[in-house]
């Protein structure tokens, strides 16, 4: 199965289990205040063993093909934690998870688990929007003396600003599926109409202005 076939299969699964919802005429409101025609909750994939296994295997394949070995798998808290555990188990390597900011009590840890200076790490995330909170995890690992080899995620919206952020941090990003493939599958499988496509593509170009 090619990478594009994997991206299409995952997009189809996300639509099927309603992990992704598309609503061009009645948009959702994100925490940032942006109006959005799409809502994505990849946590739902964990409730479907066959889909969960497919995503895990796709992550492992992508790591082997695009990144190579690392000393530790690091999950982004919170949604990257279960995916990261599954991948670390499959690869038989240690796992840690990382918050975007220090814990407010106790030991005030940002990194939970054991990492050592000089280790290499692969970061696992479920969803990439602007990349800000995800890259805060990369910063935390680098501050701890780790070499971050790459970040992998299930899905990306493909915002230009995210591409800029990852380039600035010099952190390679690999995703299993993406917004363009999702829209193609949604149209093909009848989740949206042809008349919706232009609006959905305009949103991705300038989400902060869409729907205003």
N, C-alpha and C. Protein backbone atom coordinates (compact mmCIF):
# COMPACT_ATOMS: atom_id res chain seq x y z
N UNK A 1 0.85 -1.20 0.00
CA UNK A 1 0.00 0.00 0.00
C UNK A 1 0.88 1.25 0.00
N UNK A 2 0.63 2.17 -0.93
CA UNK A 2 1.43 3.39 -1.01
C UNK A 2 1.03 4.38 0.09
N UNK A 3 1.85 5.40 0.26
CA UNK A 3 1.55 6.44 1.26
C UNK A 3 0.24 7.13 0.93
N UNK A 4 -0.02 7.34 -0.37
CA UNK A 4 -1.28 7.99 -0.76
C UNK A 4 -2.47 7.09 -0.45
N UNK A 5 -2.32 5.79 -0.68
CA UNK A 5 -3.40 4.85 -0.35
C UNK A 5 -3.68 4.86 1.15
N UNK A 6 -2.62 4.93 1.94
CA UNK A 6 -2.77 4.99 3.39
C UNK A 6 -3.50 6.27 3.79
N UNK A 7 -3.12 7.38 3.18
CA UNK A 7 -3.77 8.67 3.48
C UNK A 7 -5.26 8.62 3.14
N UNK A 8 -5.59 8.01 2.00
CA UNK A 8 -6.99 7.89 1.60
C UNK A 8 -7.77 6.98 2.56
N UNK A 9 -7.16 5.87 2.94
CA UNK A 9 -7.83 4.93 3.84
C UNK A 9 -8.11 5.57 5.19
N UNK A 10 -7.12 6.28 5.72
CA UNK A 10 -7.32 6.94 7.01
C UNK A 10 -8.38 8.04 6.90
N UNK A 11 -8.35 8.81 5.84
CA UNK A 11 -9.38 9.84 5.64
C UNK A 11 -10.77 9.21 5.60
N UNK A 12 -10.88 8.10 4.90
CA UNK A 12 -12.17 7.40 4.82
C UNK A 12 -12.62 6.92 6.19
N UNK A 13 -11.68 6.38 6.98
CA UNK A 13 -12.02 5.92 8.33
C UNK A 13 -12.47 7.09 9.21
N UNK A 14 -11.76 8.21 9.14
CA UNK A 14 -12.10 9.37 9.96
C UNK A 14 -13.51 9.87 9.65
N UNK A 15 -13.87 9.86 8.38
CA UNK A 15 -15.21 10.28 7.97
C UNK A 15 -16.26 9.26 8.42
N UNK A 16 -15.94 7.99 8.26
CA UNK A 16 -16.87 6.91 8.58
C UNK A 16 -17.28 6.92 10.04
N UNK A 17 -16.33 7.12 10.95
CA UNK A 17 -16.63 7.06 12.38
C UNK A 17 -16.93 8.44 12.96
N UNK A 18 -17.02 9.42 12.08
CA UNK A 18 -17.34 10.80 12.46
C UNK A 18 -16.28 11.41 13.38
N UNK A 19 -15.04 10.95 13.23
CA UNK A 19 -13.93 11.61 13.90
C UNK A 19 -13.69 12.97 13.25
N UNK A 20 -14.06 13.06 11.97
CA UNK A 20 -14.05 14.33 11.25
C UNK A 20 -15.47 14.65 10.81
N UNK A 21 -15.88 15.86 11.10
CA UNK A 21 -17.19 16.33 10.65
C UNK A 21 -17.00 17.57 9.78
N UNK A 22 -17.68 17.60 8.65
CA UNK A 22 -17.61 18.74 7.74
C UNK A 22 -18.96 19.42 7.70
N UNK A 23 -18.95 20.72 7.96
CA UNK A 23 -20.20 21.48 7.99
C UNK A 23 -19.95 22.88 7.42
N UNK A 24 -19.87 23.01 6.09
CA UNK A 24 -19.56 24.30 5.47
C UNK A 24 -20.58 25.39 5.76
N UNK A 25 -21.86 25.01 5.93
CA UNK A 25 -22.90 26.02 6.10
C UNK A 25 -23.17 26.37 7.57
N UNK A 26 -22.80 25.49 8.47
CA UNK A 26 -22.97 25.75 9.90
C UNK A 26 -21.63 25.49 10.58
N UNK A 27 -20.71 26.44 10.50
CA UNK A 27 -19.34 26.21 10.96
C UNK A 27 -19.23 26.05 12.47
N UNK A 28 -18.16 25.39 12.84
CA UNK A 28 -17.80 25.23 14.24
C UNK A 28 -16.95 26.43 14.67
N UNK A 29 -16.87 26.67 15.98
CA UNK A 29 -16.00 27.72 16.51
C UNK A 29 -14.91 27.08 17.34
N UNK A 30 -13.66 27.29 16.93
CA UNK A 30 -12.53 26.75 17.67
C UNK A 30 -12.24 27.59 18.91
N UNK A 31 -11.41 27.05 19.80
CA UNK A 31 -11.03 27.78 21.02
C UNK A 31 -10.35 29.10 20.68
N UNK A 32 -9.67 29.15 19.54
CA UNK A 32 -9.00 30.37 19.10
C UNK A 32 -9.97 31.45 18.65
N UNK A 33 -11.25 31.06 18.46
CA UNK A 33 -12.24 31.99 17.95
C UNK A 33 -12.45 31.87 16.45
N UNK A 34 -11.58 31.11 15.77
CA UNK A 34 -11.73 30.90 14.33
C UNK A 34 -13.03 30.16 14.03
N UNK A 35 -13.68 30.55 12.95
CA UNK A 35 -14.81 29.81 12.42
C UNK A 35 -14.26 28.73 11.49
N UNK A 36 -14.77 27.53 11.62
CA UNK A 36 -14.21 26.42 10.85
C UNK A 36 -15.32 25.52 10.31
N UNK A 37 -15.18 25.08 9.05
CA UNK A 37 -16.16 24.15 8.47
C UNK A 37 -15.83 22.70 8.80
N UNK A 38 -14.77 22.49 9.60
CA UNK A 38 -14.34 21.13 9.92
C UNK A 38 -14.06 21.00 11.41
N UNK A 39 -14.45 19.86 11.95
CA UNK A 39 -14.10 19.54 13.34
C UNK A 39 -13.46 18.15 13.34
N UNK A 40 -12.31 18.03 13.98
CA UNK A 40 -11.54 16.78 13.94
C UNK A 40 -11.26 16.30 15.35
N UNK A 41 -11.68 15.07 15.66
CA UNK A 41 -11.43 14.46 16.97
C UNK A 41 -10.88 13.05 16.74
N UNK A 42 -9.57 12.97 16.54
CA UNK A 42 -8.94 11.69 16.23
C UNK A 42 -8.93 10.72 17.40
N UNK A 43 -9.28 11.19 18.60
CA UNK A 43 -9.34 10.28 19.75
C UNK A 43 -10.35 9.16 19.50
N UNK A 44 -11.36 9.44 18.68
CA UNK A 44 -12.39 8.43 18.41
C UNK A 44 -11.81 7.18 17.76
N UNK A 45 -10.70 7.32 17.07
CA UNK A 45 -10.12 6.15 16.40
C UNK A 45 -9.70 5.08 17.41
N UNK A 46 -9.42 5.48 18.64
CA UNK A 46 -8.99 4.54 19.66
C UNK A 46 -10.09 3.56 20.05
N UNK A 47 -11.34 3.90 19.77
CA UNK A 47 -12.47 3.05 20.13
C UNK A 47 -12.76 1.99 19.08
N UNK A 48 -12.02 1.99 17.99
CA UNK A 48 -12.23 1.04 16.89
C UNK A 48 -10.93 0.27 16.66
N UNK A 49 -10.84 -0.96 17.20
CA UNK A 49 -9.57 -1.69 17.17
C UNK A 49 -8.94 -1.84 15.79
N UNK A 50 -9.71 -2.15 14.76
CA UNK A 50 -9.13 -2.32 13.43
C UNK A 50 -8.54 -1.01 12.90
N UNK A 51 -9.26 0.10 13.14
CA UNK A 51 -8.76 1.41 12.70
C UNK A 51 -7.55 1.81 13.54
N UNK A 52 -7.63 1.57 14.84
CA UNK A 52 -6.51 1.87 15.74
C UNK A 52 -5.24 1.12 15.32
N UNK A 53 -5.40 -0.15 14.98
CA UNK A 53 -4.26 -0.96 14.55
C UNK A 53 -3.71 -0.47 13.21
N UNK A 54 -4.62 -0.09 12.31
CA UNK A 54 -4.17 0.40 11.00
C UNK A 54 -3.34 1.67 11.16
N UNK A 55 -3.79 2.58 12.01
CA UNK A 55 -3.07 3.83 12.23
C UNK A 55 -1.72 3.55 12.90
N UNK A 56 -1.71 2.68 13.90
CA UNK A 56 -0.45 2.31 14.54
C UNK A 56 0.55 1.77 13.52
N UNK A 57 0.09 0.84 12.70
CA UNK A 57 0.97 0.23 11.70
C UNK A 57 1.45 1.25 10.67
N UNK A 58 0.57 2.20 10.33
CA UNK A 58 0.96 3.25 9.38
C UNK A 58 2.03 4.17 9.99
N UNK A 59 1.88 4.47 11.27
CA UNK A 59 2.91 5.25 11.97
C UNK A 59 4.25 4.52 11.95
N UNK A 60 4.23 3.25 12.30
CA UNK A 60 5.46 2.46 12.35
C UNK A 60 6.13 2.41 10.98
N UNK A 61 5.33 2.21 9.95
CA UNK A 61 5.88 2.19 8.59
C UNK A 61 6.51 3.53 8.24
N UNK A 62 5.81 4.62 8.55
CA UNK A 62 6.33 5.95 8.23
C UNK A 62 7.63 6.23 8.97
N UNK A 63 7.70 5.81 10.23
CA UNK A 63 8.94 6.00 11.00
C UNK A 63 10.09 5.25 10.34
N UNK A 64 9.85 4.02 9.97
CA UNK A 64 10.91 3.20 9.37
C UNK A 64 11.35 3.76 8.01
N UNK A 65 10.38 4.27 7.23
CA UNK A 65 10.70 4.75 5.89
C UNK A 65 11.27 6.16 5.88
N UNK A 66 10.78 7.02 6.78
CA UNK A 66 11.12 8.44 6.71
C UNK A 66 12.09 8.94 7.77
N UNK A 67 12.15 8.25 8.89
CA UNK A 67 12.92 8.77 10.03
C UNK A 67 14.03 7.83 10.46
N UNK A 68 13.70 6.58 10.65
CA UNK A 68 14.67 5.64 11.18
C UNK A 68 14.53 5.47 12.68
N UNK A 69 15.51 4.83 13.29
CA UNK A 69 15.43 4.50 14.70
C UNK A 69 15.61 5.72 15.59
N UNK A 70 15.01 5.64 16.76
CA UNK A 70 15.20 6.66 17.80
C UNK A 70 15.26 5.98 19.15
N UNK A 71 15.81 6.65 20.14
CA UNK A 71 15.95 6.06 21.47
C UNK A 71 14.65 6.07 22.26
N UNK A 72 13.78 7.02 21.93
CA UNK A 72 12.54 7.16 22.70
C UNK A 72 11.44 7.73 21.81
N UNK A 73 10.21 7.30 22.09
CA UNK A 73 9.02 7.89 21.47
C UNK A 73 8.39 8.83 22.49
N UNK A 74 8.08 10.05 22.07
CA UNK A 74 7.50 11.06 22.96
C UNK A 74 6.12 11.47 22.45
N UNK A 75 5.11 11.28 23.27
CA UNK A 75 3.76 11.67 22.91
C UNK A 75 3.45 13.07 23.39
N UNK A 76 2.74 13.83 22.57
CA UNK A 76 2.29 15.17 22.96
C UNK A 76 1.04 15.03 23.82
N UNK A 77 1.08 15.57 25.03
CA UNK A 77 -0.09 15.51 25.90
C UNK A 77 -1.19 16.45 25.37
N UNK A 78 -2.44 15.96 25.29
CA UNK A 78 -2.83 14.64 25.76
C UNK A 78 -3.10 13.65 24.61
N UNK A 79 -3.51 14.16 23.47
CA UNK A 79 -3.99 13.27 22.41
C UNK A 79 -2.90 12.41 21.79
N UNK A 80 -1.64 12.84 21.90
CA UNK A 80 -0.56 12.04 21.34
C UNK A 80 -0.09 10.92 22.26
N UNK A 81 -0.60 10.90 23.49
CA UNK A 81 -0.14 9.90 24.45
C UNK A 81 -0.53 8.48 24.04
N UNK A 82 -1.82 8.19 23.81
CA UNK A 82 -2.17 6.80 23.48
C UNK A 82 -1.55 6.33 22.17
N UNK A 83 -1.50 7.21 21.17
CA UNK A 83 -0.86 6.83 19.91
C UNK A 83 0.62 6.53 20.13
N UNK A 84 1.27 7.36 20.93
CA UNK A 84 2.68 7.18 21.20
C UNK A 84 2.98 5.88 21.92
N UNK A 85 2.12 5.52 22.88
CA UNK A 85 2.30 4.26 23.61
C UNK A 85 2.20 3.07 22.66
N UNK A 86 1.20 3.10 21.78
CA UNK A 86 1.02 2.00 20.83
C UNK A 86 2.25 1.85 19.93
N UNK A 87 2.79 2.98 19.48
CA UNK A 87 3.95 2.95 18.59
C UNK A 87 5.19 2.49 19.33
N UNK A 88 5.41 3.01 20.54
CA UNK A 88 6.57 2.61 21.33
C UNK A 88 6.54 1.12 21.63
N UNK A 89 5.35 0.60 21.90
CA UNK A 89 5.20 -0.83 22.16
C UNK A 89 5.55 -1.64 20.91
N UNK A 90 5.08 -1.18 19.76
CA UNK A 90 5.34 -1.90 18.51
C UNK A 90 6.83 -1.88 18.16
N UNK A 91 7.50 -0.78 18.49
CA UNK A 91 8.92 -0.64 18.17
C UNK A 91 9.84 -1.12 19.30
N UNK A 92 9.23 -1.45 20.45
CA UNK A 92 9.97 -1.92 21.62
C UNK A 92 11.02 -0.90 22.07
N UNK A 93 10.57 0.36 22.20
CA UNK A 93 11.44 1.42 22.70
C UNK A 93 10.74 2.15 23.86
N UNK A 94 11.47 2.88 24.68
CA UNK A 94 10.87 3.62 25.79
C UNK A 94 9.89 4.69 25.30
N UNK A 95 8.98 5.05 26.22
CA UNK A 95 7.98 6.08 25.92
C UNK A 95 7.98 7.13 27.03
N UNK A 96 7.81 8.38 26.62
CA UNK A 96 7.55 9.48 27.55
C UNK A 96 6.43 10.32 26.98
N UNK A 97 5.85 11.16 27.81
CA UNK A 97 4.94 12.16 27.23
C UNK A 97 5.32 13.53 27.77
N UNK A 98 4.95 14.53 26.98
CA UNK A 98 5.42 15.89 27.24
C UNK A 98 4.25 16.86 27.21
N UNK A 99 4.20 17.70 28.24
CA UNK A 99 3.20 18.77 28.28
C UNK A 99 3.75 20.01 27.56
N UNK A 100 2.85 20.88 27.15
CA UNK A 100 3.28 22.12 26.52
C UNK A 100 3.80 23.11 27.55
N UNK A 101 3.43 22.90 28.84
CA UNK A 101 3.95 23.74 29.93
C UNK A 101 4.12 22.87 31.17
N UNK A 102 4.84 23.36 32.14
CA UNK A 102 5.11 22.56 33.34
C UNK A 102 3.84 22.26 34.12
N UNK A 103 3.82 21.09 34.74
CA UNK A 103 2.74 20.72 35.64
C UNK A 103 2.65 21.74 36.76
N UNK A 104 1.43 22.07 37.18
CA UNK A 104 1.25 23.16 38.13
C UNK A 104 1.47 22.74 39.58
N UNK A 105 1.69 21.44 39.84
CA UNK A 105 1.88 21.01 41.22
C UNK A 105 2.85 19.83 41.25
N UNK A 106 3.11 19.32 42.45
CA UNK A 106 4.02 18.19 42.60
C UNK A 106 5.44 18.55 42.16
N UNK A 107 6.02 17.72 41.31
CA UNK A 107 7.38 17.96 40.83
C UNK A 107 7.44 18.97 39.70
N UNK A 108 6.27 19.42 39.26
CA UNK A 108 6.17 20.43 38.20
C UNK A 108 6.87 19.98 36.91
N UNK A 109 6.76 18.69 36.62
CA UNK A 109 7.40 18.15 35.43
C UNK A 109 6.73 18.62 34.14
N UNK A 110 7.53 18.81 33.13
CA UNK A 110 7.01 19.02 31.78
C UNK A 110 7.10 17.70 31.01
N UNK A 111 8.17 16.95 31.25
CA UNK A 111 8.35 15.65 30.63
C UNK A 111 8.09 14.57 31.67
N UNK A 112 7.17 13.66 31.35
CA UNK A 112 6.85 12.56 32.26
C UNK A 112 7.44 11.27 31.69
N UNK A 113 8.29 10.64 32.49
CA UNK A 113 9.02 9.47 32.03
C UNK A 113 10.51 9.78 32.08
N UNK A 114 11.31 8.89 31.54
CA UNK A 114 12.76 9.02 31.65
C UNK A 114 13.38 9.32 30.29
N UNK A 115 14.01 10.48 30.18
CA UNK A 115 14.82 10.81 29.01
C UNK A 115 16.20 11.24 29.50
N UNK A 116 17.20 10.97 28.69
CA UNK A 116 18.56 11.32 29.07
C UNK A 116 19.18 12.21 28.00
N UNK A 117 20.05 13.07 28.45
CA UNK A 117 20.74 13.97 27.54
C UNK A 117 21.49 13.15 26.48
N UNK A 118 21.32 13.57 25.22
CA UNK A 118 21.98 12.88 24.12
C UNK A 118 21.11 11.87 23.42
N UNK A 119 19.94 11.53 24.01
CA UNK A 119 19.05 10.58 23.35
C UNK A 119 18.35 11.22 22.15
N UNK A 120 17.98 10.39 21.19
CA UNK A 120 17.18 10.84 20.06
C UNK A 120 15.71 10.52 20.32
N UNK A 121 14.82 11.39 19.84
CA UNK A 121 13.39 11.21 20.09
C UNK A 121 12.58 11.47 18.83
N UNK A 122 11.47 10.74 18.71
CA UNK A 122 10.47 10.99 17.69
C UNK A 122 9.20 11.41 18.43
N UNK A 123 8.62 12.52 18.03
CA UNK A 123 7.43 13.06 18.69
C UNK A 123 6.18 12.62 17.94
N UNK A 124 5.17 12.19 18.69
CA UNK A 124 3.91 11.73 18.11
C UNK A 124 2.78 12.67 18.52
N UNK A 125 2.05 13.13 17.54
CA UNK A 125 0.90 14.02 17.75
C UNK A 125 -0.29 13.44 17.00
N UNK A 126 -1.49 13.83 17.36
CA UNK A 126 -2.65 13.32 16.61
C UNK A 126 -3.08 14.27 15.50
N UNK A 127 -2.90 15.58 15.73
CA UNK A 127 -3.44 16.57 14.80
C UNK A 127 -2.54 17.80 14.77
N UNK A 128 -2.28 18.30 13.57
CA UNK A 128 -1.48 19.52 13.41
C UNK A 128 -2.38 20.63 12.87
N UNK A 129 -2.48 21.71 13.63
CA UNK A 129 -3.19 22.89 13.12
C UNK A 129 -2.14 23.95 12.80
N UNK A 130 -1.86 24.87 13.72
CA UNK A 130 -0.79 25.84 13.47
C UNK A 130 0.58 25.31 13.86
N UNK A 131 0.60 24.26 14.68
CA UNK A 131 1.86 23.66 15.11
C UNK A 131 2.45 24.25 16.37
N UNK A 132 1.85 25.30 16.90
CA UNK A 132 2.43 25.99 18.06
C UNK A 132 2.58 25.12 19.29
N UNK A 133 1.49 24.49 19.74
CA UNK A 133 1.55 23.68 20.96
C UNK A 133 2.39 22.43 20.74
N UNK A 134 2.34 21.87 19.54
CA UNK A 134 3.13 20.68 19.25
C UNK A 134 4.62 20.98 19.30
N UNK A 135 5.00 22.12 18.75
CA UNK A 135 6.42 22.48 18.71
C UNK A 135 6.95 22.91 20.08
N UNK A 136 6.05 23.29 20.99
CA UNK A 136 6.48 23.56 22.36
C UNK A 136 7.04 22.29 22.99
N UNK A 137 6.51 21.15 22.59
CA UNK A 137 7.01 19.87 23.07
C UNK A 137 8.41 19.60 22.52
N UNK A 138 8.62 19.93 21.26
CA UNK A 138 9.95 19.80 20.65
C UNK A 138 10.96 20.65 21.42
N UNK A 139 10.58 21.88 21.76
CA UNK A 139 11.45 22.76 22.54
C UNK A 139 11.80 22.13 23.89
N UNK A 140 10.80 21.55 24.55
CA UNK A 140 11.02 20.95 25.87
C UNK A 140 12.02 19.79 25.79
N UNK A 141 11.88 18.97 24.78
CA UNK A 141 12.80 17.84 24.62
C UNK A 141 14.21 18.33 24.30
N UNK A 142 14.30 19.34 23.45
CA UNK A 142 15.63 19.89 23.13
C UNK A 142 16.26 20.52 24.36
N UNK A 143 15.45 21.20 25.17
CA UNK A 143 15.98 21.79 26.41
C UNK A 143 16.52 20.72 27.36
N UNK A 144 15.93 19.51 27.25
CA UNK A 144 16.38 18.40 28.10
C UNK A 144 17.60 17.70 27.51
N UNK A 145 18.07 18.19 26.37
CA UNK A 145 19.26 17.62 25.75
C UNK A 145 19.00 16.54 24.73
N UNK A 146 17.74 16.38 24.33
CA UNK A 146 17.39 15.36 23.34
C UNK A 146 17.54 15.90 21.93
N UNK A 147 17.84 15.01 21.02
CA UNK A 147 17.84 15.32 19.59
C UNK A 147 16.51 14.86 19.02
N UNK A 148 15.67 15.80 18.62
CA UNK A 148 14.35 15.46 18.05
C UNK A 148 14.53 15.19 16.56
N UNK A 149 14.29 13.97 16.17
CA UNK A 149 14.52 13.57 14.78
C UNK A 149 13.37 14.02 13.87
N UNK A 150 12.13 13.99 14.39
CA UNK A 150 10.97 14.36 13.57
C UNK A 150 9.73 14.34 14.43
N UNK A 151 8.65 14.89 13.88
CA UNK A 151 7.33 14.74 14.47
C UNK A 151 6.44 14.04 13.46
N UNK A 152 5.59 13.13 13.95
CA UNK A 152 4.61 12.46 13.10
C UNK A 152 3.22 12.67 13.69
N UNK A 153 2.24 12.83 12.82
CA UNK A 153 0.86 13.04 13.25
C UNK A 153 -0.09 12.29 12.34
N UNK A 154 -1.29 12.03 12.86
CA UNK A 154 -2.31 11.36 12.04
C UNK A 154 -2.76 12.27 10.90
N UNK A 155 -2.98 13.55 11.21
CA UNK A 155 -3.66 14.43 10.25
C UNK A 155 -3.15 15.85 10.37
N UNK A 156 -3.09 16.54 9.25
CA UNK A 156 -2.76 17.96 9.23
C UNK A 156 -3.76 18.73 8.38
N UNK A 157 -4.09 19.94 8.83
CA UNK A 157 -4.92 20.83 8.01
C UNK A 157 -4.12 21.42 6.86
N UNK A 158 -2.81 21.42 6.98
CA UNK A 158 -1.96 21.95 5.91
C UNK A 158 -1.91 23.46 5.85
N UNK A 159 -2.07 24.11 7.01
CA UNK A 159 -1.98 25.57 7.03
C UNK A 159 -0.57 26.01 6.67
N UNK A 160 -0.43 27.03 5.81
CA UNK A 160 0.91 27.55 5.50
C UNK A 160 1.68 27.99 6.74
N UNK A 161 0.98 28.54 7.73
CA UNK A 161 1.65 29.00 8.94
C UNK A 161 2.29 27.83 9.69
N UNK A 162 1.67 26.65 9.64
CA UNK A 162 2.25 25.47 10.28
C UNK A 162 3.54 25.07 9.58
N UNK A 163 3.52 25.09 8.26
CA UNK A 163 4.73 24.77 7.50
C UNK A 163 5.87 25.71 7.88
N UNK A 164 5.54 26.99 8.04
CA UNK A 164 6.55 27.98 8.42
C UNK A 164 7.11 27.69 9.81
N UNK A 165 6.22 27.34 10.74
CA UNK A 165 6.65 27.08 12.11
C UNK A 165 7.58 25.87 12.18
N UNK A 166 7.26 24.81 11.47
CA UNK A 166 8.10 23.61 11.50
C UNK A 166 9.43 23.87 10.81
N UNK A 167 9.41 24.67 9.77
CA UNK A 167 10.65 25.01 9.09
C UNK A 167 11.55 25.85 9.99
N UNK A 168 10.94 26.81 10.70
CA UNK A 168 11.71 27.65 11.61
C UNK A 168 12.36 26.83 12.72
N UNK A 169 11.66 25.82 13.20
CA UNK A 169 12.18 24.98 14.28
C UNK A 169 13.08 23.86 13.75
N UNK A 170 13.19 23.77 12.43
CA UNK A 170 14.00 22.72 11.79
C UNK A 170 13.60 21.35 12.31
N UNK A 171 12.29 21.13 12.31
CA UNK A 171 11.74 19.86 12.75
C UNK A 171 10.96 19.24 11.60
N UNK A 172 11.44 18.15 11.00
CA UNK A 172 10.70 17.48 9.94
C UNK A 172 9.33 17.01 10.43
N UNK A 173 8.31 17.15 9.60
CA UNK A 173 6.96 16.72 9.94
C UNK A 173 6.46 15.73 8.89
N UNK A 174 5.94 14.59 9.38
CA UNK A 174 5.34 13.59 8.50
C UNK A 174 3.94 13.28 9.02
N UNK A 175 2.95 13.33 8.15
CA UNK A 175 1.58 13.04 8.56
C UNK A 175 1.01 11.90 7.73
N UNK A 176 0.12 11.14 8.35
CA UNK A 176 -0.46 9.98 7.67
C UNK A 176 -1.53 10.37 6.67
N UNK A 177 -2.26 11.45 6.97
CA UNK A 177 -3.28 11.93 6.05
C UNK A 177 -3.34 13.45 6.15
N UNK A 178 -4.14 14.07 5.29
CA UNK A 178 -4.15 15.53 5.25
C UNK A 178 -5.48 16.06 4.71
N UNK A 179 -5.61 17.36 4.80
CA UNK A 179 -6.87 18.02 4.46
C UNK A 179 -7.26 17.82 3.00
N UNK A 180 -6.31 17.92 2.08
CA UNK A 180 -6.64 17.77 0.66
C UNK A 180 -7.19 16.39 0.35
N UNK A 181 -6.53 15.37 0.90
CA UNK A 181 -7.01 13.99 0.68
C UNK A 181 -8.38 13.81 1.30
N UNK A 182 -8.58 14.38 2.49
CA UNK A 182 -9.87 14.26 3.17
C UNK A 182 -11.00 14.86 2.33
N UNK A 183 -10.77 16.05 1.78
CA UNK A 183 -11.81 16.70 0.97
C UNK A 183 -12.12 15.87 -0.27
N UNK A 184 -11.09 15.32 -0.89
CA UNK A 184 -11.30 14.45 -2.07
C UNK A 184 -12.15 13.24 -1.71
N UNK A 185 -11.83 12.60 -0.58
CA UNK A 185 -12.59 11.42 -0.16
C UNK A 185 -14.00 11.78 0.26
N UNK A 186 -14.15 12.91 0.93
CA UNK A 186 -15.48 13.35 1.36
C UNK A 186 -16.39 13.60 0.16
N UNK A 187 -15.83 14.18 -0.88
CA UNK A 187 -16.61 14.45 -2.11
C UNK A 187 -16.95 13.13 -2.80
N UNK A 188 -15.97 12.27 -2.93
CA UNK A 188 -16.17 10.99 -3.62
C UNK A 188 -17.18 10.10 -2.91
N UNK A 189 -17.18 10.14 -1.57
CA UNK A 189 -18.05 9.26 -0.80
C UNK A 189 -19.37 9.91 -0.39
N UNK A 190 -19.61 11.13 -0.85
CA UNK A 190 -20.91 11.77 -0.67
C UNK A 190 -21.12 12.51 0.63
N UNK A 191 -20.03 12.80 1.35
CA UNK A 191 -20.17 13.55 2.60
C UNK A 191 -20.36 15.05 2.33
N UNK A 192 -19.87 15.51 1.21
CA UNK A 192 -20.04 16.91 0.80
C UNK A 192 -20.41 16.94 -0.68
N UNK A 193 -20.85 18.11 -1.13
CA UNK A 193 -21.18 18.30 -2.53
C UNK A 193 -20.08 19.10 -3.23
N UNK A 194 -20.07 19.03 -4.54
CA UNK A 194 -19.09 19.77 -5.33
C UNK A 194 -19.15 21.26 -5.02
N UNK A 195 -20.34 21.77 -4.74
CA UNK A 195 -20.52 23.20 -4.46
C UNK A 195 -19.86 23.63 -3.15
N UNK A 196 -19.50 22.65 -2.28
CA UNK A 196 -18.87 22.97 -1.00
C UNK A 196 -17.36 23.12 -1.11
N UNK A 197 -16.79 22.55 -2.15
CA UNK A 197 -15.33 22.41 -2.21
C UNK A 197 -14.60 23.75 -2.20
N UNK A 198 -15.09 24.72 -2.98
CA UNK A 198 -14.41 26.02 -3.06
C UNK A 198 -14.33 26.69 -1.69
N UNK A 199 -15.44 26.66 -0.95
CA UNK A 199 -15.46 27.27 0.37
C UNK A 199 -14.52 26.55 1.33
N UNK A 200 -14.48 25.23 1.26
CA UNK A 200 -13.59 24.46 2.12
C UNK A 200 -12.12 24.75 1.82
N UNK A 201 -11.80 24.93 0.56
CA UNK A 201 -10.43 25.25 0.19
C UNK A 201 -10.06 26.69 0.58
N UNK A 202 -10.99 27.61 0.49
CA UNK A 202 -10.74 29.00 0.90
C UNK A 202 -10.46 29.08 2.39
N UNK A 203 -11.19 28.28 3.17
CA UNK A 203 -10.96 28.28 4.62
C UNK A 203 -9.52 27.90 4.94
N UNK A 204 -9.00 26.89 4.28
CA UNK A 204 -7.66 26.40 4.57
C UNK A 204 -6.60 27.46 4.25
N UNK A 205 -6.87 28.32 3.26
CA UNK A 205 -5.90 29.34 2.88
C UNK A 205 -5.81 30.45 3.93
N UNK A 206 -6.95 30.82 4.51
CA UNK A 206 -6.97 31.94 5.48
C UNK A 206 -8.04 31.67 6.54
N UNK A 207 -7.80 30.72 7.44
CA UNK A 207 -8.82 30.34 8.41
C UNK A 207 -9.23 31.45 9.37
N UNK A 208 -8.28 32.34 9.66
CA UNK A 208 -8.58 33.43 10.61
C UNK A 208 -9.56 34.45 10.02
N UNK A 209 -9.71 34.46 8.69
CA UNK A 209 -10.60 35.41 8.03
C UNK A 209 -11.89 34.76 7.53
N UNK A 210 -11.91 33.45 7.45
CA UNK A 210 -13.04 32.73 6.86
C UNK A 210 -14.29 32.89 7.72
N UNK A 211 -15.39 33.13 7.09
CA UNK A 211 -16.67 33.22 7.79
C UNK A 211 -16.92 34.53 8.49
N UNK A 212 -16.00 35.49 8.34
CA UNK A 212 -16.19 36.78 9.00
C UNK A 212 -17.03 37.69 8.09
